[in-house]
């Protein structure tokens, strides 16, 4: 387990400090190492991203519409594997799951800032994805 001082600062808090207002923004190459299914139609992912040499921890939350857009743009074998897991969750009714990918799936995230959330060890601001697409 790493200590709190080893954690990267939050990307959402960094962006909030830039005073973007209500403007959206694009993260062109976000490495999606995992996918959390939090509930039916509610998803999330997180990874570190770098800005001018500084590593930040980014959390991305998204709903079914963004998931549908992502699945449309992913290579068929990846999209089909994700759809299979989601179908299994629908059948079981147990919607919390974490999918871990062996390699990151590079995606483009079009998002806006969410509200401040209070984690166990820190406050953070999730990016709320309006659209996610495969970036190759």
N, C-alpha and C. Protein backbone atom coordinates (compact mmCIF):
# COMPACT_ATOMS: atom_id res chain seq x y z
N UNK A 1 0.86 -1.18 0.00
CA UNK A 1 0.00 0.00 0.00
C UNK A 1 0.90 1.24 0.00
N UNK A 2 0.58 2.19 -0.85
CA UNK A 2 1.37 3.41 -0.89
C UNK A 2 0.83 4.42 0.12
N UNK A 3 1.70 5.30 0.55
CA UNK A 3 1.26 6.32 1.49
C UNK A 3 0.61 7.47 0.73
N UNK A 4 -0.16 8.25 1.42
CA UNK A 4 -0.88 9.38 0.82
C UNK A 4 0.07 10.32 0.09
N UNK A 5 1.28 10.50 0.62
CA UNK A 5 2.21 11.43 -0.02
C UNK A 5 2.73 10.90 -1.36
N UNK A 6 2.53 9.59 -1.64
CA UNK A 6 2.93 9.02 -2.92
C UNK A 6 1.86 9.20 -3.99
N UNK A 7 0.65 9.63 -3.59
CA UNK A 7 -0.43 9.79 -4.54
C UNK A 7 -0.21 11.00 -5.42
N UNK A 8 -0.72 10.93 -6.63
CA UNK A 8 -0.69 12.10 -7.52
C UNK A 8 -1.82 13.04 -7.14
N UNK A 9 -1.61 14.34 -7.34
CA UNK A 9 -2.71 15.29 -7.07
C UNK A 9 -3.86 15.05 -8.04
N UNK A 10 -5.04 15.52 -7.67
CA UNK A 10 -6.24 15.28 -8.46
C UNK A 10 -6.29 16.18 -9.69
N UNK A 11 -6.58 15.57 -10.85
CA UNK A 11 -6.66 16.29 -12.11
C UNK A 11 -7.85 17.24 -12.14
N UNK A 12 -8.99 16.80 -11.60
CA UNK A 12 -10.17 17.66 -11.57
C UNK A 12 -9.95 18.93 -10.76
N UNK A 13 -9.28 18.80 -9.61
CA UNK A 13 -8.96 19.99 -8.81
C UNK A 13 -8.00 20.90 -9.57
N UNK A 14 -7.05 20.31 -10.28
CA UNK A 14 -6.14 21.09 -11.11
C UNK A 14 -6.92 21.89 -12.16
N UNK A 15 -7.83 21.21 -12.86
CA UNK A 15 -8.63 21.89 -13.89
C UNK A 15 -9.52 22.97 -13.29
N UNK A 16 -10.09 22.69 -12.11
CA UNK A 16 -10.93 23.69 -11.45
C UNK A 16 -10.13 24.95 -11.15
N UNK A 17 -8.86 24.79 -10.84
CA UNK A 17 -7.99 25.94 -10.58
C UNK A 17 -7.72 26.78 -11.81
N UNK A 18 -7.97 26.24 -12.99
CA UNK A 18 -7.78 26.99 -14.24
C UNK A 18 -8.98 27.87 -14.56
N UNK A 19 -10.04 27.77 -13.73
CA UNK A 19 -11.25 28.58 -13.88
C UNK A 19 -11.85 28.43 -15.28
N UNK A 20 -12.20 27.18 -15.63
CA UNK A 20 -12.80 26.90 -16.92
C UNK A 20 -14.27 27.29 -16.99
N UNK A 21 -14.86 27.56 -15.84
CA UNK A 21 -16.29 27.87 -15.82
C UNK A 21 -17.08 26.64 -16.22
N UNK A 22 -18.10 26.83 -17.02
CA UNK A 22 -18.94 25.73 -17.47
C UNK A 22 -18.46 25.12 -18.78
N UNK A 23 -17.33 25.61 -19.28
CA UNK A 23 -16.83 25.11 -20.56
C UNK A 23 -16.40 23.66 -20.45
N UNK A 24 -16.67 22.93 -21.50
CA UNK A 24 -16.20 21.56 -21.58
C UNK A 24 -14.76 21.55 -22.07
N UNK A 25 -14.17 20.38 -22.05
CA UNK A 25 -12.79 20.23 -22.50
C UNK A 25 -12.61 18.82 -23.04
N UNK A 26 -11.49 18.59 -23.69
CA UNK A 26 -11.20 17.29 -24.30
C UNK A 26 -9.87 16.78 -23.77
N UNK A 27 -9.86 15.51 -23.36
CA UNK A 27 -8.62 14.81 -23.04
C UNK A 27 -8.43 13.85 -24.20
N UNK A 28 -7.49 14.15 -25.13
CA UNK A 28 -7.42 13.40 -26.39
C UNK A 28 -6.92 11.96 -26.28
N UNK A 29 -6.08 11.65 -25.33
CA UNK A 29 -5.56 10.28 -25.21
C UNK A 29 -5.53 9.88 -23.74
N UNK A 30 -6.66 9.42 -23.26
CA UNK A 30 -6.80 9.00 -21.87
C UNK A 30 -6.64 7.48 -21.81
N UNK A 31 -5.70 6.97 -20.98
CA UNK A 31 -5.50 5.52 -20.91
C UNK A 31 -6.52 4.86 -19.98
N UNK A 32 -7.45 4.13 -20.56
CA UNK A 32 -8.48 3.46 -19.77
C UNK A 32 -7.98 2.04 -19.43
N UNK A 33 -7.44 1.90 -18.23
CA UNK A 33 -6.92 0.63 -17.75
C UNK A 33 -8.01 -0.25 -17.15
N UNK A 34 -9.11 0.40 -16.73
CA UNK A 34 -10.17 -0.33 -16.06
C UNK A 34 -11.51 0.33 -16.34
N UNK A 35 -12.54 -0.41 -16.01
CA UNK A 35 -13.90 0.11 -16.14
C UNK A 35 -14.68 -0.36 -14.93
N UNK A 36 -15.23 0.58 -14.20
CA UNK A 36 -16.09 0.27 -13.06
C UNK A 36 -17.54 0.36 -13.49
N UNK A 37 -18.30 -0.65 -13.15
CA UNK A 37 -19.75 -0.60 -13.33
C UNK A 37 -20.28 -0.35 -11.93
N UNK A 38 -20.77 0.86 -11.70
CA UNK A 38 -21.21 1.24 -10.34
C UNK A 38 -22.66 0.88 -10.08
N UNK A 39 -23.43 0.91 -11.13
CA UNK A 39 -24.85 0.57 -11.07
C UNK A 39 -25.28 0.43 -12.53
N UNK A 40 -26.49 0.00 -12.76
CA UNK A 40 -26.94 -0.12 -14.14
C UNK A 40 -26.92 1.24 -14.81
N UNK A 41 -26.12 1.36 -15.88
CA UNK A 41 -26.03 2.62 -16.63
C UNK A 41 -25.11 3.66 -16.02
N UNK A 42 -24.36 3.31 -14.98
CA UNK A 42 -23.44 4.25 -14.32
C UNK A 42 -22.06 3.63 -14.27
N UNK A 43 -21.08 4.33 -14.85
CA UNK A 43 -19.75 3.78 -15.03
C UNK A 43 -18.68 4.76 -14.58
N UNK A 44 -17.48 4.26 -14.49
CA UNK A 44 -16.35 5.11 -14.15
C UNK A 44 -15.05 4.45 -14.53
N UNK A 45 -14.02 5.26 -14.60
CA UNK A 45 -12.67 4.78 -14.83
C UNK A 45 -11.73 5.80 -14.21
N UNK A 46 -10.50 5.43 -14.09
CA UNK A 46 -9.52 6.36 -13.54
C UNK A 46 -8.13 5.98 -13.98
N UNK A 47 -7.29 6.96 -14.11
CA UNK A 47 -5.90 6.72 -14.51
C UNK A 47 -5.11 7.99 -14.23
N UNK A 48 -3.82 7.85 -14.26
CA UNK A 48 -2.98 9.04 -14.17
C UNK A 48 -2.81 9.63 -15.55
N UNK A 49 -2.74 10.94 -15.58
CA UNK A 49 -2.47 11.66 -16.81
C UNK A 49 -1.42 12.72 -16.50
N UNK A 50 -0.72 13.17 -17.50
CA UNK A 50 0.39 14.09 -17.27
C UNK A 50 0.14 15.41 -17.99
N UNK A 51 0.44 16.51 -17.29
CA UNK A 51 0.36 17.85 -17.87
C UNK A 51 1.68 18.55 -17.56
N UNK A 52 2.40 18.89 -18.60
CA UNK A 52 3.68 19.59 -18.46
C UNK A 52 4.59 18.91 -17.44
N UNK A 53 4.66 17.57 -17.53
CA UNK A 53 5.56 16.82 -16.67
C UNK A 53 5.02 16.48 -15.29
N UNK A 54 3.86 16.99 -14.92
CA UNK A 54 3.25 16.70 -13.62
C UNK A 54 2.20 15.61 -13.79
N UNK A 55 2.31 14.55 -12.99
CA UNK A 55 1.32 13.48 -13.00
C UNK A 55 0.11 13.87 -12.15
N UNK A 56 -1.08 13.61 -12.68
CA UNK A 56 -2.33 13.85 -11.96
C UNK A 56 -3.17 12.58 -11.99
N UNK A 57 -3.92 12.33 -10.94
CA UNK A 57 -4.88 11.24 -10.90
C UNK A 57 -6.22 11.77 -11.39
N UNK A 58 -6.76 11.12 -12.41
CA UNK A 58 -8.03 11.55 -12.98
C UNK A 58 -9.10 10.48 -12.80
N UNK A 59 -10.27 10.91 -12.40
CA UNK A 59 -11.44 10.04 -12.28
C UNK A 59 -12.45 10.50 -13.32
N UNK A 60 -12.98 9.57 -14.09
CA UNK A 60 -13.97 9.89 -15.11
C UNK A 60 -15.24 9.12 -14.81
N UNK A 61 -16.35 9.83 -14.65
CA UNK A 61 -17.66 9.22 -14.44
C UNK A 61 -18.48 9.40 -15.71
N UNK A 62 -19.30 8.40 -16.04
CA UNK A 62 -20.14 8.54 -17.22
C UNK A 62 -21.38 7.65 -17.14
N UNK A 63 -22.35 8.03 -17.94
CA UNK A 63 -23.64 7.35 -17.96
C UNK A 63 -23.77 6.51 -19.23
N UNK A 64 -24.92 5.89 -19.39
CA UNK A 64 -25.15 4.93 -20.47
C UNK A 64 -24.94 5.52 -21.86
N UNK A 65 -25.34 6.76 -22.07
CA UNK A 65 -25.20 7.36 -23.40
C UNK A 65 -23.73 7.43 -23.82
N UNK A 66 -22.86 7.82 -22.90
CA UNK A 66 -21.43 7.86 -23.21
C UNK A 66 -20.88 6.45 -23.41
N UNK A 67 -21.37 5.48 -22.62
CA UNK A 67 -20.95 4.09 -22.79
C UNK A 67 -21.35 3.58 -24.16
N UNK A 68 -22.57 3.87 -24.57
CA UNK A 68 -23.03 3.43 -25.89
C UNK A 68 -22.14 4.00 -26.99
N UNK A 69 -21.78 5.27 -26.87
CA UNK A 69 -20.89 5.89 -27.85
C UNK A 69 -19.52 5.24 -27.87
N UNK A 70 -19.01 4.91 -26.68
CA UNK A 70 -17.71 4.23 -26.60
C UNK A 70 -17.79 2.86 -27.27
N UNK A 71 -18.81 2.09 -26.95
CA UNK A 71 -18.94 0.75 -27.52
C UNK A 71 -19.05 0.78 -29.05
N UNK A 72 -19.66 1.84 -29.59
CA UNK A 72 -19.78 1.98 -31.05
C UNK A 72 -18.44 2.21 -31.72
N UNK A 73 -17.48 2.81 -30.99
CA UNK A 73 -16.20 3.17 -31.61
C UNK A 73 -15.07 2.20 -31.30
N UNK A 74 -15.25 1.33 -30.31
CA UNK A 74 -14.21 0.36 -29.96
C UNK A 74 -14.08 -0.72 -31.02
N UNK A 75 -12.91 -1.34 -31.14
CA UNK A 75 -12.80 -2.52 -31.99
C UNK A 75 -13.82 -3.57 -31.53
N UNK A 76 -14.38 -4.31 -32.46
CA UNK A 76 -15.50 -5.22 -32.18
C UNK A 76 -15.18 -6.21 -31.07
N UNK A 77 -13.99 -6.78 -31.04
CA UNK A 77 -13.69 -7.80 -30.03
C UNK A 77 -13.69 -7.22 -28.61
N UNK A 78 -13.27 -5.97 -28.47
CA UNK A 78 -13.28 -5.33 -27.15
C UNK A 78 -14.71 -4.95 -26.76
N UNK A 79 -15.44 -4.35 -27.71
CA UNK A 79 -16.82 -3.96 -27.44
C UNK A 79 -17.67 -5.18 -27.09
N UNK A 80 -17.48 -6.28 -27.83
CA UNK A 80 -18.27 -7.49 -27.56
C UNK A 80 -17.96 -8.05 -26.18
N UNK A 81 -16.70 -8.04 -25.78
CA UNK A 81 -16.32 -8.55 -24.45
C UNK A 81 -16.98 -7.71 -23.35
N UNK A 82 -16.98 -6.39 -23.51
CA UNK A 82 -17.62 -5.51 -22.53
C UNK A 82 -19.13 -5.75 -22.51
N UNK A 83 -19.73 -5.86 -23.69
CA UNK A 83 -21.18 -6.12 -23.75
C UNK A 83 -21.53 -7.44 -23.06
N UNK A 84 -20.69 -8.45 -23.23
CA UNK A 84 -20.94 -9.74 -22.58
C UNK A 84 -20.95 -9.60 -21.06
N UNK A 85 -19.99 -8.86 -20.51
CA UNK A 85 -19.95 -8.66 -19.06
C UNK A 85 -21.18 -7.88 -18.61
N UNK A 86 -21.54 -6.85 -19.35
CA UNK A 86 -22.72 -6.06 -18.97
C UNK A 86 -23.99 -6.90 -19.02
N UNK A 87 -24.08 -7.80 -19.99
CA UNK A 87 -25.25 -8.68 -20.08
C UNK A 87 -25.29 -9.63 -18.88
N UNK A 88 -24.14 -10.14 -18.47
CA UNK A 88 -24.08 -11.01 -17.29
C UNK A 88 -24.52 -10.26 -16.03
N UNK A 89 -24.11 -9.00 -15.93
CA UNK A 89 -24.52 -8.20 -14.77
C UNK A 89 -26.03 -7.96 -14.80
N UNK A 90 -26.58 -7.72 -15.99
CA UNK A 90 -28.03 -7.54 -16.11
C UNK A 90 -28.76 -8.79 -15.65
N UNK A 91 -28.25 -9.96 -16.04
CA UNK A 91 -28.89 -11.22 -15.65
C UNK A 91 -28.83 -11.45 -14.14
N UNK A 92 -27.68 -11.12 -13.54
CA UNK A 92 -27.51 -11.38 -12.11
C UNK A 92 -28.17 -10.32 -11.24
N UNK A 93 -28.32 -9.11 -11.78
CA UNK A 93 -28.86 -8.01 -11.00
C UNK A 93 -27.84 -7.39 -10.06
N UNK A 94 -26.61 -7.90 -10.06
CA UNK A 94 -25.53 -7.37 -9.23
C UNK A 94 -24.67 -6.47 -10.11
N UNK A 95 -24.87 -5.19 -10.01
CA UNK A 95 -24.27 -4.29 -10.98
C UNK A 95 -22.89 -3.77 -10.64
N UNK A 96 -22.39 -4.01 -9.45
CA UNK A 96 -21.05 -3.48 -9.17
C UNK A 96 -20.00 -4.46 -9.66
N UNK A 97 -19.11 -3.97 -10.53
CA UNK A 97 -18.04 -4.81 -11.07
C UNK A 97 -16.89 -3.93 -11.51
N UNK A 98 -15.71 -4.53 -11.56
CA UNK A 98 -14.54 -3.85 -12.09
C UNK A 98 -13.94 -4.73 -13.17
N UNK A 99 -13.81 -4.17 -14.36
CA UNK A 99 -13.14 -4.84 -15.46
C UNK A 99 -11.74 -4.26 -15.54
N UNK A 100 -10.74 -5.11 -15.55
CA UNK A 100 -9.34 -4.68 -15.65
C UNK A 100 -8.83 -5.12 -17.02
N UNK A 101 -8.26 -4.20 -17.78
CA UNK A 101 -7.77 -4.50 -19.11
C UNK A 101 -6.26 -4.78 -19.06
N UNK A 102 -5.76 -5.76 -19.84
CA UNK A 102 -4.33 -6.09 -19.80
C UNK A 102 -3.45 -4.96 -20.35
N UNK A 103 -3.98 -4.19 -21.24
CA UNK A 103 -3.32 -3.01 -21.81
C UNK A 103 -4.33 -1.88 -21.78
N UNK A 104 -3.86 -0.64 -21.69
CA UNK A 104 -4.84 0.45 -21.67
C UNK A 104 -5.55 0.59 -23.01
N UNK A 105 -6.82 0.92 -22.94
CA UNK A 105 -7.59 1.27 -24.13
C UNK A 105 -7.53 2.79 -24.22
N UNK A 106 -6.91 3.29 -25.25
CA UNK A 106 -6.75 4.74 -25.38
C UNK A 106 -8.06 5.33 -25.91
N UNK A 107 -8.61 6.26 -25.13
CA UNK A 107 -9.88 6.88 -25.48
C UNK A 107 -9.74 8.40 -25.47
N UNK A 108 -10.63 9.04 -26.19
CA UNK A 108 -10.77 10.49 -26.15
C UNK A 108 -11.99 10.79 -25.29
N UNK A 109 -11.80 11.66 -24.31
CA UNK A 109 -12.88 11.99 -23.37
C UNK A 109 -13.27 13.45 -23.56
N UNK A 110 -14.53 13.66 -23.90
CA UNK A 110 -15.09 15.02 -23.93
C UNK A 110 -15.90 15.14 -22.65
N UNK A 111 -15.55 16.12 -21.81
CA UNK A 111 -16.12 16.15 -20.47
C UNK A 111 -16.31 17.56 -19.95
N UNK A 112 -16.92 17.61 -18.79
CA UNK A 112 -17.01 18.82 -17.99
C UNK A 112 -16.69 18.42 -16.55
N UNK A 113 -16.43 19.38 -15.72
CA UNK A 113 -16.11 19.09 -14.33
C UNK A 113 -17.37 18.76 -13.54
N UNK A 114 -17.27 17.74 -12.71
CA UNK A 114 -18.34 17.40 -11.80
C UNK A 114 -18.25 18.23 -10.53
N UNK A 115 -18.92 17.78 -9.52
CA UNK A 115 -18.91 18.45 -8.22
C UNK A 115 -17.83 17.84 -7.34
N UNK A 116 -17.39 18.60 -6.37
CA UNK A 116 -16.39 18.09 -5.43
C UNK A 116 -16.95 16.87 -4.72
N UNK A 117 -16.15 15.81 -4.70
CA UNK A 117 -16.52 14.58 -4.00
C UNK A 117 -15.54 14.39 -2.85
N UNK A 118 -15.99 13.75 -1.81
CA UNK A 118 -15.16 13.56 -0.63
C UNK A 118 -14.80 12.09 -0.52
N UNK A 119 -13.54 11.79 -0.86
CA UNK A 119 -13.06 10.43 -0.77
C UNK A 119 -12.59 10.11 0.63
N UNK A 120 -12.12 8.89 0.79
CA UNK A 120 -11.66 8.43 2.10
C UNK A 120 -10.47 9.25 2.60
N UNK A 121 -9.58 9.62 1.69
CA UNK A 121 -8.36 10.31 2.10
C UNK A 121 -8.20 11.70 1.50
N UNK A 122 -9.10 12.06 0.57
CA UNK A 122 -8.93 13.37 -0.07
C UNK A 122 -10.22 13.79 -0.76
N UNK A 123 -10.30 15.06 -1.06
CA UNK A 123 -11.37 15.58 -1.91
C UNK A 123 -10.89 15.50 -3.35
N UNK A 124 -11.83 15.32 -4.26
CA UNK A 124 -11.49 15.29 -5.68
C UNK A 124 -12.68 15.75 -6.49
N UNK A 125 -12.43 16.09 -7.74
CA UNK A 125 -13.50 16.47 -8.65
C UNK A 125 -13.44 15.52 -9.84
N UNK A 126 -14.48 14.72 -10.04
CA UNK A 126 -14.46 13.83 -11.19
C UNK A 126 -14.71 14.59 -12.49
N UNK A 127 -14.17 14.07 -13.56
CA UNK A 127 -14.53 14.54 -14.89
C UNK A 127 -15.81 13.79 -15.25
N UNK A 128 -16.80 14.49 -15.73
CA UNK A 128 -18.05 13.86 -16.13
C UNK A 128 -18.05 13.83 -17.66
N UNK A 129 -17.95 12.62 -18.20
CA UNK A 129 -17.81 12.47 -19.65
C UNK A 129 -19.15 12.67 -20.34
N UNK A 130 -19.15 13.54 -21.33
CA UNK A 130 -20.31 13.73 -22.18
C UNK A 130 -20.22 12.77 -23.37
N UNK A 131 -18.98 12.47 -23.76
CA UNK A 131 -18.74 11.56 -24.89
C UNK A 131 -17.38 10.92 -24.69
N UNK A 132 -17.31 9.63 -24.99
CA UNK A 132 -16.04 8.90 -24.96
C UNK A 132 -15.94 8.13 -26.25
N UNK A 133 -14.78 8.19 -26.89
CA UNK A 133 -14.59 7.44 -28.14
C UNK A 133 -13.20 6.82 -28.17
N UNK A 134 -13.08 5.76 -28.93
CA UNK A 134 -11.82 5.05 -29.06
C UNK A 134 -10.81 5.94 -29.78
N UNK A 135 -9.60 6.03 -29.23
CA UNK A 135 -8.55 6.87 -29.81
C UNK A 135 -7.42 6.03 -30.42
N UNK A 136 -7.56 4.73 -30.38
CA UNK A 136 -6.54 3.86 -31.01
C UNK A 136 -5.50 3.34 -30.09
